[in-house]
Protein backbone atom coordinates (compact mmCIF):
# COMPACT_ATOMS: atom_id res chain seq x y z
CA LEU A 1 5.09 22.35 2.24
CA PRO A 2 1.63 21.68 -0.30
CA ILE A 3 2.22 20.87 -3.24
CA THR A 4 1.71 23.70 -6.44
CA GLN A 5 1.41 21.73 -8.72
CA LYS A 6 -0.26 18.61 -9.94
CA ARG A 7 0.32 17.07 -13.33
CA PHE A 8 -0.62 13.69 -14.46
CA GLU A 9 0.70 11.39 -17.65
CA GLY A 10 0.10 8.27 -18.81
CA ALA A 11 2.69 5.30 -19.02
CA ALA A 12 4.16 6.80 -23.05
CA SER A 13 5.00 10.11 -21.29
CA ASN A 14 5.24 9.66 -17.51
CA MET A 15 9.43 11.23 -16.69
CA VAL A 16 8.73 9.10 -13.23
CA ASP A 17 11.22 6.27 -12.44
CA LEU A 18 9.59 2.79 -12.86
CA ASP A 19 11.72 1.32 -9.87
CA GLU A 20 9.64 4.27 -7.61
CA GLN A 21 7.27 3.09 -5.35
CA ILE A 22 3.43 4.07 -5.72
CA LEU A 23 -0.05 4.49 -3.77
CA GLY A 24 -2.39 3.15 -6.59
CA ILE A 25 -6.28 3.55 -7.07
CA ASP A 26 -8.00 1.79 -8.96
CA HIS A 27 -11.83 3.26 -9.16
CA GLY A 28 -14.76 4.26 -10.74
CA GLY A 29 -13.32 2.57 -14.06
CA ALA A 30 -10.14 5.15 -13.41
CA GLN A 31 -6.90 4.62 -12.04
CA LYS A 32 -4.19 6.81 -10.52
CA ALA A 33 -0.50 6.27 -9.07
CA PHE A 34 0.93 8.36 -6.38
CA PRO A 35 4.57 8.27 -5.77
CA VAL A 36 5.23 7.67 -2.37
CA ASN A 37 8.48 9.36 -2.22
CA MET A 38 6.36 13.19 -3.22
CA LEU A 39 3.79 11.55 -0.58
CA TYR A 40 6.37 11.14 2.05
CA TYR A 41 7.41 14.83 1.54
CA HIS A 42 3.89 16.34 1.63
CA HIS A 43 2.00 13.82 3.69
CA GLN A 44 -1.06 14.37 1.89
CA ILE A 45 -2.70 15.03 -1.96
CA ALA A 46 -5.71 15.64 -2.04
CA ASP A 47 -7.55 14.58 -5.42
CA GLU A 48 -10.51 12.60 -7.20
CA VAL A 49 -10.53 9.45 -8.88
CA GLY A 50 -13.01 8.52 -11.44
CA GLY A 51 -14.67 11.62 -10.61
CA HIS A 52 -14.48 10.84 -6.45
CA PRO A 53 -13.02 13.00 -4.05
CA VAL A 54 -9.31 10.70 -2.45
CA TRP A 55 -7.52 11.58 -0.23
CA PRO A 56 -3.74 10.14 -0.59
CA THR A 57 -1.66 9.81 2.78
CA TYR A 58 1.81 8.43 3.68
CA CYS A 59 3.25 8.43 7.56
CA GLY A 60 7.19 8.22 6.97
CA LEU A 61 7.44 7.34 10.86
CA CYS A 62 4.93 4.32 9.86
CA ASN A 63 6.22 4.09 6.64
CA SER A 64 2.67 3.74 5.82
CA GLY A 65 0.21 4.40 2.87
CA ARG A 66 -3.44 5.04 2.99
CA ILE A 67 -6.37 6.19 0.68
CA TYR A 68 -9.80 7.35 2.19
CA ASP A 69 -12.35 9.02 1.05
CA ARG A 70 -11.90 12.82 1.89
CA LEU A 71 -16.25 13.09 1.30
CA VAL A 72 -18.18 13.36 4.48
CA ASP A 73 -21.86 14.52 4.79
CA GLY A 74 -21.29 15.78 1.35
CA GLN A 75 -18.32 17.88 1.75
CA ALA A 76 -15.10 17.12 -0.11
CA LEU A 77 -12.14 17.86 2.77
CA GLU A 78 -8.69 19.16 2.39
CA PHE A 79 -6.47 18.67 4.98
CA THR A 80 -3.25 20.46 6.59
CA LEU A 81 -0.71 18.34 8.66
CA VAL A 82 -0.65 19.70 12.39
CA GLY A 83 1.77 17.26 13.60
CA ALA A 84 1.57 13.59 15.10
CA ILE A 85 -0.28 11.37 17.30
CA ASN A 86 1.80 7.78 18.26
CA TYR A 87 3.93 8.68 16.17
CA ASN A 88 1.44 9.20 13.73
CA ALA A 89 0.68 12.19 11.26
CA THR A 90 -1.90 13.68 12.01
CA PHE A 91 -4.13 16.44 10.26
CA ARG A 92 -6.41 19.05 10.49
CA ASP A 93 -9.60 19.22 7.82
CA HIS A 94 -10.09 22.97 6.72
CA SER A 95 -13.45 22.88 7.15
CA THR A 96 -14.48 21.60 10.57
CA GLY A 97 -11.42 22.08 12.28
CA THR A 98 -11.43 18.42 12.98
CA TRP A 99 -8.03 16.07 13.50
CA TRP A 100 -7.61 12.88 11.80
CA ARG A 101 -5.31 10.31 12.03
CA GLN A 102 -3.54 8.84 8.64
CA GLU A 103 -3.04 5.35 9.90
CA THR A 104 -6.75 4.63 11.12
CA GLY A 105 -8.49 7.55 9.47
CA ASP A 106 -10.38 8.44 12.17
CA ALA A 107 -11.01 11.93 14.26
CA ALA A 108 -8.98 12.03 17.09
CA LYS A 109 -10.06 15.56 17.82
CA GLY A 110 -12.38 18.82 17.56
CA PRO A 111 -16.68 18.56 15.79
CA LEU A 112 -15.97 15.16 14.08
CA GLN A 113 -14.35 13.13 17.11
CA GLY A 114 -14.99 9.86 16.66
CA ARG A 115 -15.88 9.86 13.24
CA MET A 116 -13.92 7.69 10.49
CA LEU A 117 -13.14 8.39 7.20
CA GLU A 118 -13.72 5.23 4.45
CA ASP A 119 -10.81 2.92 3.35
CA MET A 120 -10.71 3.20 -0.22
CA PRO A 121 -8.48 -0.30 -1.77
CA CYS A 122 -5.17 1.10 -2.34
CA GLU A 123 -1.73 -0.93 -3.58
CA GLN A 124 1.68 0.11 -2.86
CA MET A 125 4.26 -1.32 -5.78
CA THR A 126 6.89 -0.58 -8.16
CA LEU A 127 5.37 2.46 -10.56
CA GLY A 128 6.71 -0.80 -13.49
CA ASN A 129 4.42 -3.03 -11.65
CA TRP A 130 1.54 -0.79 -11.64
CA LEU A 131 1.86 0.15 -15.01
CA ALA A 132 2.25 -3.58 -16.10
CA LYS A 133 -1.32 -4.31 -14.24
CA HIS A 134 -2.68 -0.86 -15.35
CA PRO A 135 -0.90 0.04 -18.52
CA ASP A 136 -3.73 3.39 -18.78
CA SER A 137 -3.60 4.49 -15.45
CA LEU A 138 -1.99 7.80 -14.94
CA VAL A 139 0.51 9.12 -12.77
CA LEU A 140 1.52 11.66 -10.67
CA GLN A 141 4.29 13.86 -11.50
CA TYR A 142 6.85 15.39 -9.62
CA ASP A 143 6.59 19.16 -8.46
CA PRO A 144 9.44 20.69 -10.06
CA THR A 145 9.09 22.93 -6.76
CA PHE A 146 9.95 19.88 -4.48
CA GLU A 147 11.99 17.80 -7.15
CA LYS A 148 15.06 17.97 -4.35
CA GLN A 149 13.22 16.38 -1.36
CA TYR A 150 11.90 13.76 -3.27
CA ARG A 151 15.15 12.54 -3.87
CA ILE A 152 16.31 12.47 -0.33
CA ARG A 153 13.00 11.01 0.43
CA THR A 154 13.63 7.86 -2.11
CA ALA A 155 17.08 7.40 -0.44
CA LEU A 156 15.44 7.65 3.09
CA LEU A 157 13.04 4.58 1.99
CA ASN A 158 15.97 2.72 0.00
CA TYR A 159 17.27 2.75 3.48
CA GLU A 160 20.47 4.81 2.01
CA VAL A 161 20.40 7.70 4.62
CA SER A 162 18.85 7.88 7.84
CA LEU A 163 17.18 10.55 9.99
CA PRO A 164 17.51 11.00 13.82
CA GLY A 165 15.34 9.39 16.22
CA TRP A 166 14.70 5.60 16.27
CA HIS A 167 14.96 5.69 12.22
CA MET A 168 18.37 5.00 12.80
CA GLN A 169 18.62 1.28 12.49
CA ALA A 170 20.67 -0.48 9.86
CA SER A 171 17.53 -2.08 8.12
CA PRO A 172 14.19 -1.19 9.68
CA PRO A 173 11.97 -4.14 10.08
CA LEU A 174 8.90 -3.87 7.85
CA VAL A 175 5.69 -6.09 8.09
CA VAL A 176 3.06 -6.62 5.04
CA GLY A 177 -0.16 -6.51 7.39
CA VAL A 178 -3.46 -7.57 6.51
CA GLU A 179 -6.47 -7.68 8.78
CA ILE A 180 -9.05 -10.73 8.19
CA GLY A 181 -11.77 -10.72 9.98
CA ASN A 182 -10.84 -9.28 13.80
CA VAL A 183 -7.66 -11.29 13.26
CA ALA A 184 -4.63 -8.77 12.23
CA ARG A 185 -2.08 -10.76 10.59
CA ALA A 186 1.80 -9.90 9.93
CA TYR A 187 4.55 -11.16 7.82
CA ASP A 188 8.04 -10.60 8.46
CA TRP A 189 8.88 -8.49 4.87
CA ASN A 190 12.71 -9.86 4.69
CA GLN A 191 11.48 -13.57 5.30
CA LEU A 192 8.92 -13.06 2.78
CA VAL A 193 11.12 -12.03 -0.20
CA LYS A 194 13.68 -14.51 0.95
CA HIS A 195 10.47 -17.16 0.97
CA ARG A 196 8.92 -15.14 -2.17
CA LEU A 197 5.39 -16.50 -1.29
CA VAL A 198 3.75 -18.60 1.39
CA HIS A 199 1.02 -20.03 2.06
CA ASP A 200 -1.79 -19.18 5.46
CA GLU A 201 -4.68 -19.91 7.08
CA VAL A 202 -6.63 -17.33 8.78
CA GLU A 203 -10.01 -17.01 10.64
CA GLY A 204 -10.86 -19.96 7.38
CA THR A 205 -9.53 -17.70 5.27
CA HIS A 206 -6.69 -19.23 3.10
CA LEU A 207 -3.76 -16.57 2.20
CA LEU A 208 -0.83 -16.95 -0.09
CA ALA A 209 1.24 -14.23 0.56
CA VAL A 210 3.60 -13.43 -2.32
CA THR A 211 6.14 -10.28 -3.38
CA ASP A 212 7.41 -10.26 -7.45
CA ALA A 213 10.92 -11.89 -8.32
CA ALA A 214 12.45 -8.65 -7.81
CA GLY A 215 11.31 -8.52 -4.15
CA SER A 216 10.15 -4.77 -4.85
CA SER A 217 6.43 -5.19 -4.35
CA ALA A 218 3.80 -7.31 -2.05
CA PHE A 219 0.79 -8.54 -2.78
CA VAL A 220 -1.97 -10.90 -0.38
CA TYR A 221 -5.05 -13.32 -2.12
CA ASP A 222 -7.39 -15.28 -1.21
CA ARG A 223 -6.33 -18.58 -2.22
CA MET A 224 -9.42 -20.48 -2.41
CA VAL A 225 -10.57 -21.30 -6.32
CA ASP A 226 -13.89 -22.71 -7.36
CA GLY A 227 -14.27 -24.31 -3.67
CA THR A 228 -10.33 -25.59 -3.91
CA ALA A 229 -7.43 -23.87 -1.95
CA LEU A 230 -4.67 -23.32 -4.53
CA GLU A 231 -1.13 -24.45 -3.14
CA PHE A 232 1.43 -22.62 -5.10
CA THR A 233 5.27 -22.63 -6.34
CA ALA A 234 7.35 -19.58 -7.38
CA ASP A 235 8.18 -19.99 -11.26
CA GLY A 236 10.24 -17.73 -12.62
CA ASP A 237 8.76 -14.40 -12.59
CA GLY A 238 5.33 -15.89 -11.85
CA LEU A 239 3.80 -18.63 -9.82
CA LYS A 240 2.26 -22.18 -10.82
CA ASP A 241 -0.02 -23.86 -9.05
CA ALA A 242 0.47 -27.35 -7.70
CA GLY A 243 -3.00 -28.63 -8.49
CA THR A 244 -2.99 -27.95 -12.25
CA GLY A 245 0.31 -26.65 -13.60
CA SER A 246 -1.79 -23.45 -14.35
CA SER A 247 0.67 -20.66 -14.62
CA TRP A 248 -0.21 -17.05 -12.67
CA ASP A 249 1.56 -13.45 -12.71
CA VAL A 250 2.32 -11.85 -9.38
CA PHE A 251 -1.02 -9.97 -9.77
CA GLY A 252 -3.31 -13.16 -9.54
CA ARG A 253 -4.15 -13.43 -12.81
CA CYS A 254 -3.76 -17.26 -14.52
CA THR A 255 -2.19 -17.17 -17.84
CA LYS A 256 -2.10 -20.66 -19.43
CA GLY A 257 -3.14 -24.00 -18.26
CA LYS A 258 -6.46 -25.15 -17.09
CA LEU A 259 -7.72 -22.33 -14.78
CA LYS A 260 -6.86 -20.12 -17.42
CA GLY A 261 -8.96 -16.47 -16.50
CA LYS A 262 -9.48 -17.13 -13.13
CA GLN A 263 -8.46 -14.22 -10.38
CA LEU A 264 -7.60 -14.97 -7.00
CA VAL A 265 -9.58 -12.18 -4.97
CA GLN A 266 -6.62 -9.70 -3.63
CA LEU A 267 -6.94 -8.59 -0.03
CA GLN A 268 -5.82 -5.33 1.56
CA SER A 269 -2.63 -5.26 2.70
CA TYR A 270 -0.06 -2.61 4.13
CA LYS A 271 3.64 -2.66 4.12
CA GLN A 272 5.09 -0.55 6.95
CA TYR A 273 7.56 -0.30 10.10
CA ILE A 274 6.28 -3.38 12.43
CA ARG A 275 6.45 -0.62 15.12
CA ALA A 276 3.40 1.30 13.19
CA TRP A 277 1.64 -2.15 13.08
CA VAL A 278 1.73 -3.07 16.48
CA THR A 279 1.22 0.38 17.44
CA PHE A 280 -2.60 0.18 15.75
CA HIS A 281 -3.04 -3.79 15.98
CA PRO A 282 -1.75 -4.19 19.32
CA ALA A 283 -3.25 -8.00 19.53
CA ALA A 284 -1.42 -9.01 15.80
CA SER A 285 -0.09 -12.19 15.28
CA PHE A 286 2.63 -13.01 12.87
CA TYR A 287 3.47 -15.92 10.34
CA LYS A 288 6.28 -18.22 11.79
CA PHE A 289 8.45 -18.71 8.93
CA GLN A 290 9.60 -21.45 10.23
CA HIS A 291 7.01 -23.08 9.00
CA ALA A 292 7.33 -22.14 5.82
CA GLY A 293 9.70 -25.18 4.52
C-alpha cells in the first residue's frame, strides 16, 4: 500500500530509532534519510531533494536499496508496484504505463522500453551514522497507519523472523558490491565485518572497504590521496593510515595529523543479497579474504 502521510523532521525532533537502517541522499545542498523498513514495506516513496524529484526504492527480495532521478523527458514520474522480474521489484509508471526494474532502473516493457533511469548517489547505513555525517539532514517519519508493518520489516532485516521461500535461511548471505569500470566487485559482508577493513585494487583503482566499529554500516573508498595509495588500520571507532599516522573517521575524513582536512573519495556501493548481486552482475568478482591477513 502507498504511504498516506509524508512528514520529515530534523535530528532534534526525529522519532525514528537511530539504530534503524536508512537510505540517505545528499543532493542540491539538502540531505534526506528514508528508513529502510518503510521503503521495504512500500517498496518506493516518490519525493524530492534539493528541489529535484527523486525516487527512493527498496526490494525485500534482493535486500537492495536504490535512489533514481524520476525526471524523464521533463516529467516527474509516479510509480505503482506491479510485481517482480528475476525476483526484483518491478513498477509501472502512471504516465506511460512503462514497467521499470528496481535493481537496474531500466524500462523492461512498455513505450519507454530500453530507457534507463539515472542513478543518484545514495548511502545505506544506520540513522545514527547518517546524522553524524549529515547533522542537518531531514528524516522521513513513520506513517502511523503502517507502524506495525514497519516493525515486522525491521525484524525481517535483523533476521529475527523469516518469510517463506528462499528467505528461510539462518543467515542470508550478504555482500557489499561496487562497480569499477567494467568490473563488479563484491565483498562478503560477514567477512568484511570480521576483518573491519580490507585493501583492494580493481581496474587500477585502489580501494578501501570498511565497516564501522559496530558492524552496522559499510563504506567503499578510493584510498589514493595526493598520488599515494594509503594503507589503513582500525583505530578505535575510526582508522589510522600507516604512512603518516593520521586519524580518520569511517566517513573518510581525516580528523587529526599530517593529512587533517583530507577526504577520501567515496564510491557508490550497495549492501544486498549475494543472489541479487550475481543475478544482475553475472561476471562479478569476489574479494578473497584469505589474502586480507
